[in-house]
Amino acid sequence: MGRASVSFRLIAAFVTLTATIAFAVPKAGANDAFADARASMVDKIEDIAGAVGPVDGRDRIDGEVLAAMRRVPRHLFVPDELTGLAYADRPLPIGYSQTISQPYIVALMTDLLDLESGDVVLELGTGSGYQAAVLGELVSRAFTIEIVPGLAEQAAARLAQLGYENIAVREGDGYYGWPEHAPFDAIIVTAAASHVPPPLVQQLKPGGRMIIPVGTRFSVQHLLLVEKEADGPVRTRQLLPVRFVPLTGGH
């Protein structure tokens, strides 16, 4: 897809897809059948954070991030046949050669954004919509882009049925960001890029943070923290080795 010919399709939250894609509608509550599993997942995240040690100077995941992950029903974001593995600390396939990330990585990347409740956030790589749902629990607005049409449609329907009115899903090449809603307080990329996309740096608000895995499928990937200083300069720091599916598109 060429830079000048990029086209996007906004997936409306109330699309007729909801008539053909069936999901359990209620958001997770304290008494649902998976509450204990989510609590155990969060305990595991805290254990891993302690074992990994400080990342960007922090040795634990922020309590608000963990609380958000206790609320989001991860079992609704994985294929039905994998429901029993939904709260294991591991990535899982979601179709189209894509995965839902390991819960610890979701928590870590979210935490590294230093989010505030009034923030506007951009996500690249919607996947099943789980990371977007976690963001939706923490910020004012989240915009998320998915290049695979089937995943974009499913995620939009799923998030709408779960009541996330503050999340907008778009189908398209995330490399170019979503300039109509820029600048963003934070940007999160959930697929490995060969480099930090310049359009994303441009769309990051001064004082904002971007977290992105960089590297190829067959080389070591590293999680990078990109910070745009209030007066304009950009700092990039390499945090830890990771493994993500590659970012795709026409770039």
C-alpha atoms as a PDB file:
ATOM      1  CA  MET A   1       0.000   0.000   0.000  1.00  0.00           C
ATOM      2  CA  GLY A   2       1.586   3.294  -1.049  1.00  0.00           C
ATOM      3  CA  ARG A   3       2.005   6.241   1.261  1.00  0.00           C
ATOM      4  CA  ALA A   4      -0.144   8.486  -0.909  1.00  0.00           C
ATOM      5  CA  SER A   5      -2.883   5.923  -1.405  1.00  0.00           C
ATOM      6  CA  VAL A   6      -3.444   4.809   2.183  1.00  0.00           C
ATOM      7  CA  SER A   7      -7.116   4.208   2.825  1.00  0.00           C
ATOM      8  CA  PHE A   8      -8.812   3.259   6.063  1.00  0.00           C
ATOM      9  CA  ARG A   9     -12.212   1.913   6.979  1.00  0.00           C
ATOM     10  CA  LEU A  10     -13.639   2.945  10.316  1.00  0.00           C
ATOM     11  CA  ILE A  11     -15.376  -0.027  11.889  1.00  0.00           C
ATOM     12  CA  ALA A  12     -18.512   1.404  13.498  1.00  0.00           C
ATOM     13  CA  ALA A  13     -19.116   0.267  17.057  1.00  0.00           C
ATOM     14  CA  PHE A  14     -22.681  -0.661  16.245  1.00  0.00           C
ATOM     15  CA  VAL A  15     -21.985  -2.522  13.012  1.00  0.00           C
ATOM     16  CA  THR A  16     -24.219  -5.327  11.838  1.00  0.00           C
ATOM     17  CA  LEU A  17     -21.345  -7.689  12.555  1.00  0.00           C
ATOM     18  CA  THR A  18     -22.861  -8.055  16.001  1.00  0.00           C
ATOM     19  CA  ALA A  19     -25.647 -10.008  14.374  1.00  0.00           C
ATOM     20  CA  THR A  20     -23.250 -12.610  13.029  1.00  0.00           C
ATOM     21  CA  ILE A  21     -20.526 -12.709  15.702  1.00  0.00           C
ATOM     22  CA  ALA A  22     -21.732 -13.962  19.064  1.00  0.00           C
ATOM     23  CA  PHE A  23     -19.891 -13.042  22.241  1.00  0.00           C
ATOM     24  CA  ALA A  24     -20.812 -13.091  25.896  1.00  0.00           C
ATOM     25  CA  VAL A  25     -21.959  -9.520  26.406  1.00  0.00           C
ATOM     26  CA  PRO A  26     -21.537  -8.541  30.072  1.00  0.00           C
ATOM     27  CA  LYS A  27     -18.270  -7.005  31.211  1.00  0.00           C
ATOM     28  CA  ALA A  28     -16.504  -9.064  33.829  1.00  0.00           C
ATOM     29  CA  GLY A  29     -17.784  -8.505  37.327  1.00  0.00           C
ATOM     30  CA  ALA A  30     -16.422  -9.434  40.713  1.00  0.00           C
ATOM     31  CA  ASN A  31     -18.594 -12.558  40.914  1.00  0.00           C
ATOM     32  CA  ASP A  32     -18.159 -13.995  37.429  1.00  0.00           C
ATOM     33  CA  ALA A  33     -16.825 -17.507  36.938  1.00  0.00           C
ATOM     34  CA  PHE A  34     -13.398 -16.308  35.813  1.00  0.00           C
ATOM     35  CA  ALA A  35     -12.728 -13.811  38.630  1.00  0.00           C
ATOM     36  CA  ASP A  36     -10.419 -16.192  40.491  1.00  0.00           C
ATOM     37  CA  ALA A  37      -8.551 -17.008  37.283  1.00  0.00           C
ATOM     38  CA  ARG A  38      -7.992 -13.307  36.607  1.00  0.00           C
ATOM     39  CA  ALA A  39      -6.779 -12.767  40.158  1.00  0.00           C
ATOM     40  CA  SER A  40      -4.311 -15.643  39.740  1.00  0.00           C
ATOM     41  CA  MET A  41      -3.167 -14.158  36.425  1.00  0.00           C
ATOM     42  CA  VAL A  42      -2.461 -10.832  38.115  1.00  0.00           C
ATOM     43  CA  ASP A  43      -0.573 -12.585  40.930  1.00  0.00           C
ATOM     44  CA  LYS A  44       1.567 -14.300  38.278  1.00  0.00           C
ATOM     45  CA  ILE A  45       2.237 -10.960  36.563  1.00  0.00           C
ATOM     46  CA  GLU A  46       3.476  -9.540  39.865  1.00  0.00           C
ATOM     47  CA  ASP A  47       5.690 -12.591  40.413  1.00  0.00           C
ATOM     48  CA  ILE A  48       7.227 -12.252  36.947  1.00  0.00           C
ATOM     49  CA  ALA A  49       7.788  -8.522  37.409  1.00  0.00           C
ATOM     50  CA  GLY A  50       9.691  -9.265  40.608  1.00  0.00           C
ATOM     51  CA  ALA A  51      11.758 -11.980  38.945  1.00  0.00           C
ATOM     52  CA  VAL A  52      12.593  -9.899  35.868  1.00  0.00           C
ATOM     53  CA  GLY A  53      13.718  -6.994  37.996  1.00  0.00           C
ATOM     54  CA  PRO A  54      13.575  -3.269  37.273  1.00  0.00           C
ATOM     55  CA  VAL A  55      12.487  -2.198  33.789  1.00  0.00           C
ATOM     56  CA  ASP A  56      12.909   1.521  33.157  1.00  0.00           C
ATOM     57  CA  GLY A  57      13.599   1.905  36.866  1.00  0.00           C
ATOM     58  CA  ARG A  58      10.405   0.190  38.047  1.00  0.00           C
ATOM     59  CA  ASP A  59      10.339  -3.224  39.685  1.00  0.00           C
ATOM     60  CA  ARG A  60       6.581  -3.609  39.926  1.00  0.00           C
ATOM     61  CA  ILE A  61       3.506  -3.001  37.766  1.00  0.00           C
ATOM     62  CA  ASP A  62       1.325  -0.040  38.707  1.00  0.00           C
ATOM     63  CA  GLY A  63      -1.723  -0.981  40.769  1.00  0.00           C
ATOM     64  CA  GLU A  64      -4.182   0.716  38.413  1.00  0.00           C
ATOM     65  CA  VAL A  65      -2.874  -1.320  35.484  1.00  0.00           C
ATOM     66  CA  LEU A  66      -3.253  -4.522  37.469  1.00  0.00           C
ATOM     67  CA  ALA A  67      -6.773  -3.508  38.526  1.00  0.00           C
ATOM     68  CA  ALA A  68      -7.692  -2.966  34.866  1.00  0.00           C
ATOM     69  CA  MET A  69      -6.422  -6.437  34.015  1.00  0.00           C
ATOM     70  CA  ARG A  70      -8.532  -7.888  36.820  1.00  0.00           C
ATOM     71  CA  ARG A  71     -11.592  -6.327  35.169  1.00  0.00           C
ATOM     72  CA  VAL A  72     -11.060  -7.225  31.516  1.00  0.00           C
ATOM     73  CA  PRO A  73     -12.442 -10.692  30.625  1.00  0.00           C
ATOM     74  CA  ARG A  74      -9.486 -12.097  28.669  1.00  0.00           C
ATOM     75  CA  HIS A  75     -11.386 -15.334  27.989  1.00  0.00           C
ATOM     76  CA  LEU A  76     -13.678 -13.379  25.658  1.00  0.00           C
ATOM     77  CA  PHE A  77     -10.695 -12.284  23.544  1.00  0.00           C
ATOM     78  CA  VAL A  78      -9.410 -15.762  22.669  1.00  0.00           C
ATOM     79  CA  PRO A  79     -10.941 -18.486  20.474  1.00  0.00           C
ATOM     80  CA  ASP A  80     -13.534 -20.618  22.249  1.00  0.00           C
ATOM     81  CA  GLU A  81     -11.327 -23.701  22.141  1.00  0.00           C
ATOM     82  CA  LEU A  82      -8.606 -21.830  24.076  1.00  0.00           C
ATOM     83  CA  THR A  83     -10.824 -20.468  26.848  1.00  0.00           C
ATOM     84  CA  GLY A  84      -9.217 -22.812  29.345  1.00  0.00           C
ATOM     85  CA  LEU A  85      -5.819 -21.208  28.636  1.00  0.00           C
ATOM     86  CA  ALA A  86      -7.040 -17.616  28.612  1.00  0.00           C
ATOM     87  CA  TYR A  87      -5.483 -16.695  31.962  1.00  0.00           C
ATOM     88  CA  ALA A  88      -2.207 -18.546  31.563  1.00  0.00           C
ATOM     89  CA  ASP A  89       0.780 -16.243  31.236  1.00  0.00           C
ATOM     90  CA  ARG A  90       1.457 -17.057  27.610  1.00  0.00           C
ATOM     91  CA  PRO A  91       0.582 -15.721  24.168  1.00  0.00           C
ATOM     92  CA  LEU A  92      -2.200 -17.533  22.331  1.00  0.00           C
ATOM     93  CA  PRO A  93      -3.125 -17.781  18.633  1.00  0.00           C
ATOM     94  CA  ILE A  94      -6.181 -15.782  17.551  1.00  0.00           C
ATOM     95  CA  GLY A  95      -6.209 -16.686  13.849  1.00  0.00           C
ATOM     96  CA  TYR A  96      -4.760 -15.007  10.754  1.00  0.00           C
ATOM     97  CA  SER A  97      -1.240 -15.948  12.006  1.00  0.00           C
ATOM     98  CA  GLN A  98      -1.640 -13.442  14.862  1.00  0.00           C
ATOM     99  CA  THR A  99      -1.504 -13.818  18.639  1.00  0.00           C
ATOM    100  CA  ILE A 100      -2.823 -12.240  21.825  1.00  0.00           C
ATOM    101  CA  SER A 101       0.176 -11.177  23.886  1.00  0.00           C
ATOM    102  CA  GLN A 102       1.361 -12.733  27.142  1.00  0.00           C
ATOM    103  CA  PRO A 103      -0.445 -10.994  30.050  1.00  0.00           C
ATOM    104  CA  TYR A 104       2.821  -9.897  31.681  1.00  0.00           C
ATOM    105  CA  ILE A 105       3.867  -8.156  28.458  1.00  0.00           C
ATOM    106  CA  VAL A 106       0.469  -6.455  28.175  1.00  0.00           C
ATOM    107  CA  ALA A 107       0.803  -5.221  31.752  1.00  0.00           C
ATOM    108  CA  LEU A 108       4.412  -4.109  31.325  1.00  0.00           C
ATOM    109  CA  MET A 109       3.854  -2.225  28.066  1.00  0.00           C
ATOM    110  CA  THR A 110       0.759  -0.530  29.473  1.00  0.00           C
ATOM    111  CA  ASP A 111       2.597   0.449  32.641  1.00  0.00           C
ATOM    112  CA  LEU A 112       5.520   1.898  30.692  1.00  0.00           C
ATOM    113  CA  LEU A 113       3.184   4.397  29.018  1.00  0.00           C
ATOM    114  CA  ASP A 114       2.618   6.196  32.366  1.00  0.00           C
ATOM    115  CA  LEU A 115      -1.029   6.754  31.506  1.00  0.00           C
ATOM    116  CA  GLU A 116      -3.353   9.327  33.024  1.00  0.00           C
ATOM    117  CA  SER A 117      -7.146   9.038  33.043  1.00  0.00           C
ATOM    118  CA  GLY A 118      -7.585  11.921  30.604  1.00  0.00           C
ATOM    119  CA  ASP A 119      -5.100  10.620  28.027  1.00  0.00           C
ATOM    120  CA  VAL A 120      -5.769   9.881  24.381  1.00  0.00           C
ATOM    121  CA  VAL A 121      -3.869   6.799  23.220  1.00  0.00           C
ATOM    122  CA  LEU A 122      -3.105   5.166  19.870  1.00  0.00           C
ATOM    123  CA  GLU A 123      -2.570   1.413  19.519  1.00  0.00           C
ATOM    124  CA  LEU A 124      -1.155  -0.301  16.434  1.00  0.00           C
ATOM    125  CA  GLY A 125      -2.135  -3.940  16.078  1.00  0.00           C
ATOM    126  CA  THR A 126      -5.616  -4.393  17.553  1.00  0.00           C
ATOM    127  CA  GLY A 127      -5.597  -8.167  17.226  1.00  0.00           C
ATOM    128  CA  SER A 128      -8.510  -9.530  19.250  1.00  0.00           C
ATOM    129  CA  GLY A 129      -8.925  -6.193  21.058  1.00  0.00           C
ATOM    130  CA  TYR A 130      -7.585  -7.237  24.478  1.00  0.00           C
ATOM    131  CA  GLN A 131      -4.852  -4.609  24.784  1.00  0.00           C
ATOM    132  CA  ALA A 132      -7.321  -1.968  23.600  1.00  0.00           C
ATOM    133  CA  ALA A 133      -9.778  -3.049  26.307  1.00  0.00           C
ATOM    134  CA  VAL A 134      -7.094  -2.687  28.982  1.00  0.00           C
ATOM    135  CA  LEU A 135      -6.321   0.795  27.650  1.00  0.00           C
ATOM    136  CA  GLY A 136     -10.027   1.613  27.598  1.00  0.00           C
ATOM    137  CA  GLU A 137     -10.192   0.926  31.321  1.00  0.00           C
ATOM    138  CA  LEU A 138      -7.468   3.496  31.994  1.00  0.00           C
ATOM    139  CA  VAL A 139      -7.778   6.422  29.566  1.00  0.00           C
ATOM    140  CA  SER A 140     -10.319   8.824  28.117  1.00  0.00           C
ATOM    141  CA  ARG A 141     -10.051   7.650  24.484  1.00  0.00           C
ATOM    142  CA  ALA A 142      -8.215   4.847  22.726  1.00  0.00           C
ATOM    143  CA  PHE A 143      -7.802   4.602  18.966  1.00  0.00           C
ATOM    144  CA  THR A 144      -6.663   1.262  17.612  1.00  0.00           C
ATOM    145  CA  ILE A 145      -5.690   0.176  14.094  1.00  0.00           C
ATOM    146  CA  GLU A 146      -5.659  -3.368  12.697  1.00  0.00           C
ATOM    147  CA  ILE A 147      -4.491  -4.277   9.187  1.00  0.00           C
ATOM    148  CA  VAL A 148      -6.273  -7.661   9.021  1.00  0.00           C
ATOM    149  CA  PRO A 149      -9.916  -6.992   8.053  1.00  0.00           C
ATOM    150  CA  GLY A 150     -11.329 -10.050   9.833  1.00  0.00           C
ATOM    151  CA  LEU A 151      -9.608  -9.194  13.106  1.00  0.00           C
ATOM    152  CA  ALA A 152     -10.615  -5.521  12.881  1.00  0.00           C
ATOM    153  CA  GLU A 153     -14.250  -6.461  12.380  1.00  0.00           C
ATOM    154  CA  GLN A 154     -14.288  -9.000  15.179  1.00  0.00           C
ATOM    155  CA  ALA A 155     -12.509  -6.699  17.617  1.00  0.00           C
ATOM    156  CA  ALA A 156     -14.880  -3.800  16.871  1.00  0.00           C
ATOM    157  CA  ALA A 157     -17.915  -5.990  17.483  1.00  0.00           C
ATOM    158  CA  ARG A 158     -16.433  -7.539  20.626  1.00  0.00           C
ATOM    159  CA  LEU A 159     -15.439  -4.204  22.172  1.00  0.00           C
ATOM    160  CA  ALA A 160     -18.814  -2.672  21.355  1.00  0.00           C
ATOM    161  CA  GLN A 161     -20.690  -5.562  22.942  1.00  0.00           C
ATOM    162  CA  LEU A 162     -18.539  -5.254  26.046  1.00  0.00           C
ATOM    163  CA  GLY A 163     -19.502  -1.583  26.334  1.00  0.00           C
ATOM    164  CA  TYR A 164     -16.208   0.128  25.477  1.00  0.00           C
ATOM    165  CA  GLU A 165     -17.655   3.312  24.014  1.00  0.00           C
ATOM    166  CA  ASN A 166     -14.323   5.118  24.376  1.00  0.00           C
ATOM    167  CA  ILE A 167     -12.498   2.835  21.907  1.00  0.00           C
ATOM    168  CA  ALA A 168     -12.499   3.375  18.138  1.00  0.00           C
ATOM    169  CA  VAL A 169     -11.292   0.600  15.812  1.00  0.00           C
ATOM    170  CA  ARG A 170      -9.973   1.256  12.326  1.00  0.00           C
ATOM    171  CA  GLU A 171      -8.889  -1.114   9.595  1.00  0.00           C
ATOM    172  CA  GLY A 172      -5.693  -0.004   7.857  1.00  0.00           C
ATOM    173  CA  ASP A 173      -1.921   0.225   7.822  1.00  0.00           C
ATOM    174  CA  GLY A 174      -0.945   1.371  11.298  1.00  0.00           C
ATOM    175  CA  TYR A 175       2.522   2.458  10.189  1.00  0.00           C
ATOM    176  CA  TYR A 176       0.991   5.794   9.227  1.00  0.00           C
ATOM    177  CA  GLY A 177      -0.866   6.254  12.497  1.00  0.00           C
ATOM    178  CA  TRP A 178      -4.189   8.074  12.764  1.00  0.00           C
ATOM    179  CA  PRO A 179      -3.347  11.734  12.067  1.00  0.00           C
ATOM    180  CA  GLU A 180      -6.936  12.967  12.373  1.00  0.00           C
ATOM    181  CA  HIS A 181      -6.805  12.345  16.125  1.00  0.00           C
ATOM    182  CA  ALA A 182      -3.167  13.266  16.760  1.00  0.00           C
ATOM    183  CA  PRO A 183      -1.293  14.262  18.795  1.00  0.00           C
ATOM    184  CA  PHE A 184      -1.483  11.329  21.184  1.00  0.00           C
ATOM    185  CA  ASP A 185      -0.403  11.271  24.817  1.00  0.00           C
ATOM    186  CA  ALA A 186       0.888   7.731  24.298  1.00  0.00           C
ATOM    187  CA  ILE A 187       1.340   5.214  21.482  1.00  0.00           C
ATOM    188  CA  ILE A 188       1.671   1.445  21.860  1.00  0.00           C
ATOM    189  CA  VAL A 189       2.715  -0.895  19.065  1.00  0.00           C
ATOM    190  CA  THR A 190       1.941  -4.598  19.523  1.00  0.00           C
ATOM    191  CA  ALA A 191       3.867  -5.990  16.536  1.00  0.00           C
ATOM    192  CA  ALA A 192       7.581  -5.834  15.797  1.00  0.00           C
ATOM    193  CA  ALA A 193       8.707  -3.118  13.396  1.00  0.00           C
ATOM    194  CA  SER A 194      12.071  -2.999  11.624  1.00  0.00           C
ATOM    195  CA  HIS A 195      12.422   0.606  12.833  1.00  0.00           C
ATOM    196  CA  VAL A 196      10.443   3.252  14.677  1.00  0.00           C
ATOM    197  CA  PRO A 197       7.916   4.650  12.156  1.00  0.00           C
ATOM    198  CA  PRO A 198       8.498   8.405  11.665  1.00  0.00           C
ATOM    199  CA  PRO A 199       4.747   9.142  11.334  1.00  0.00           C
ATOM    200  CA  LEU A 200       4.223   7.814  14.847  1.00  0.00           C
ATOM    201  CA  VAL A 201       6.959  10.000  16.280  1.00  0.00           C
ATOM    202  CA  GLN A 202       5.329  12.982  14.569  1.00  0.00           C
ATOM    203  CA  GLN A 203       1.943  12.099  16.063  1.00  0.00           C
ATOM    204  CA  LEU A 204       3.290  11.712  19.605  1.00  0.00           C
ATOM    205  CA  LYS A 205       2.516  14.697  21.806  1.00  0.00           C
ATOM    206  CA  PRO A 206       5.464  16.556  23.380  1.00  0.00           C
ATOM    207  CA  GLY A 207       5.964  14.905  26.756  1.00  0.00           C
ATOM    208  CA  GLY A 208       4.414  11.689  25.425  1.00  0.00           C
ATOM    209  CA  ARG A 209       5.697   8.111  25.389  1.00  0.00           C
ATOM    210  CA  MET A 210       5.671   5.342  22.811  1.00  0.00           C
ATOM    211  CA  ILE A 211       6.425   1.697  23.507  1.00  0.00           C
ATOM    212  CA  ILE A 212       7.327  -0.443  20.500  1.00  0.00           C
ATOM    213  CA  PRO A 213       9.112  -3.760  19.795  1.00  0.00           C
ATOM    214  CA  VAL A 214      11.785  -3.361  17.135  1.00  0.00           C
ATOM    215  CA  GLY A 215      13.521  -6.152  15.225  1.00  0.00           C
ATOM    216  CA  THR A 216      12.743  -8.812  12.644  1.00  0.00           C
ATOM    217  CA  ARG A 217      11.132 -12.228  12.961  1.00  0.00           C
ATOM    218  CA  PHE A 218      14.515 -13.973  12.711  1.00  0.00           C
ATOM    219  CA  SER A 219      16.591 -11.624  14.863  1.00  0.00           C
ATOM    220  CA  VAL A 220      16.489 -10.489  18.469  1.00  0.00           C
ATOM    221  CA  GLN A 221      13.712  -7.989  19.031  1.00  0.00           C
ATOM    222  CA  HIS A 222      13.922  -5.362  21.726  1.00  0.00           C
ATOM    223  CA  LEU A 223      11.235  -3.371  23.450  1.00  0.00           C
ATOM    224  CA  LEU A 224      11.996   0.312  22.937  1.00  0.00           C
ATOM    225  CA  LEU A 225      10.723   3.271  24.899  1.00  0.00           C
ATOM    226  CA  VAL A 226      10.472   6.421  22.790  1.00  0.00           C
ATOM    227  CA  GLU A 227      10.005   9.682  24.683  1.00  0.00           C
ATOM    228  CA  LYS A 228       9.347  13.038  23.071  1.00  0.00           C
ATOM    229  CA  GLU A 229      10.633  15.791  25.326  1.00  0.00           C
ATOM    230  CA  ALA A 230       8.402  18.779  26.001  1.00  0.00           C
ATOM    231  CA  ASP A 231      10.687  20.986  23.891  1.00  0.00           C
ATOM    232  CA  GLY A 232      10.842  18.576  20.949  1.00  0.00           C
ATOM    233  CA  PRO A 233      13.895  16.266  21.154  1.00  0.00           C
ATOM    234  CA  VAL A 234      13.223  12.529  21.046  1.00  0.00           C
ATOM    235  CA  ARG A 235      14.966   9.973  23.278  1.00  0.00           C
ATOM    236  CA  THR A 236      14.941   6.235  22.621  1.00  0.00           C
ATOM    237  CA  ARG A 237      15.876   3.566  25.159  1.00  0.00           C
ATOM    238  CA  GLN A 238      16.208  -0.183  24.716  1.00  0.00           C
ATOM    239  CA  LEU A 239      14.538  -2.013  27.599  1.00  0.00           C
ATOM    240  CA  LEU A 240      14.488  -5.802  27.188  1.00  0.00           C
ATOM    241  CA  PRO A 241      14.383  -8.575  24.565  1.00  0.00           C
ATOM    242  CA  VAL A 242      10.918  -9.655  23.406  1.00  0.00           C
ATOM    243  CA  ARG A 243       9.244 -11.735  20.710  1.00  0.00           C
ATOM    244  CA  PHE A 244       6.342 -10.388  18.622  1.00  0.00           C
ATOM    245  CA  VAL A 245       4.773 -11.175  15.269  1.00  0.00           C
ATOM    246  CA  PRO A 246       6.006  -8.708  12.612  1.00  0.00           C
ATOM    247  CA  LEU A 247       4.293  -5.433  11.802  1.00  0.00           C
ATOM    248  CA  THR A 248       2.853  -5.728   8.293  1.00  0.00           C
ATOM    249  CA  GLY A 249       1.843  -3.145   5.729  1.00  0.00           C
ATOM    250  CA  GLY A 250       3.093  -1.275   2.701  1.00  0.00           C
ATOM    251  CA  HIS A 251       5.963   0.595   4.363  1.00  0.00           C
END
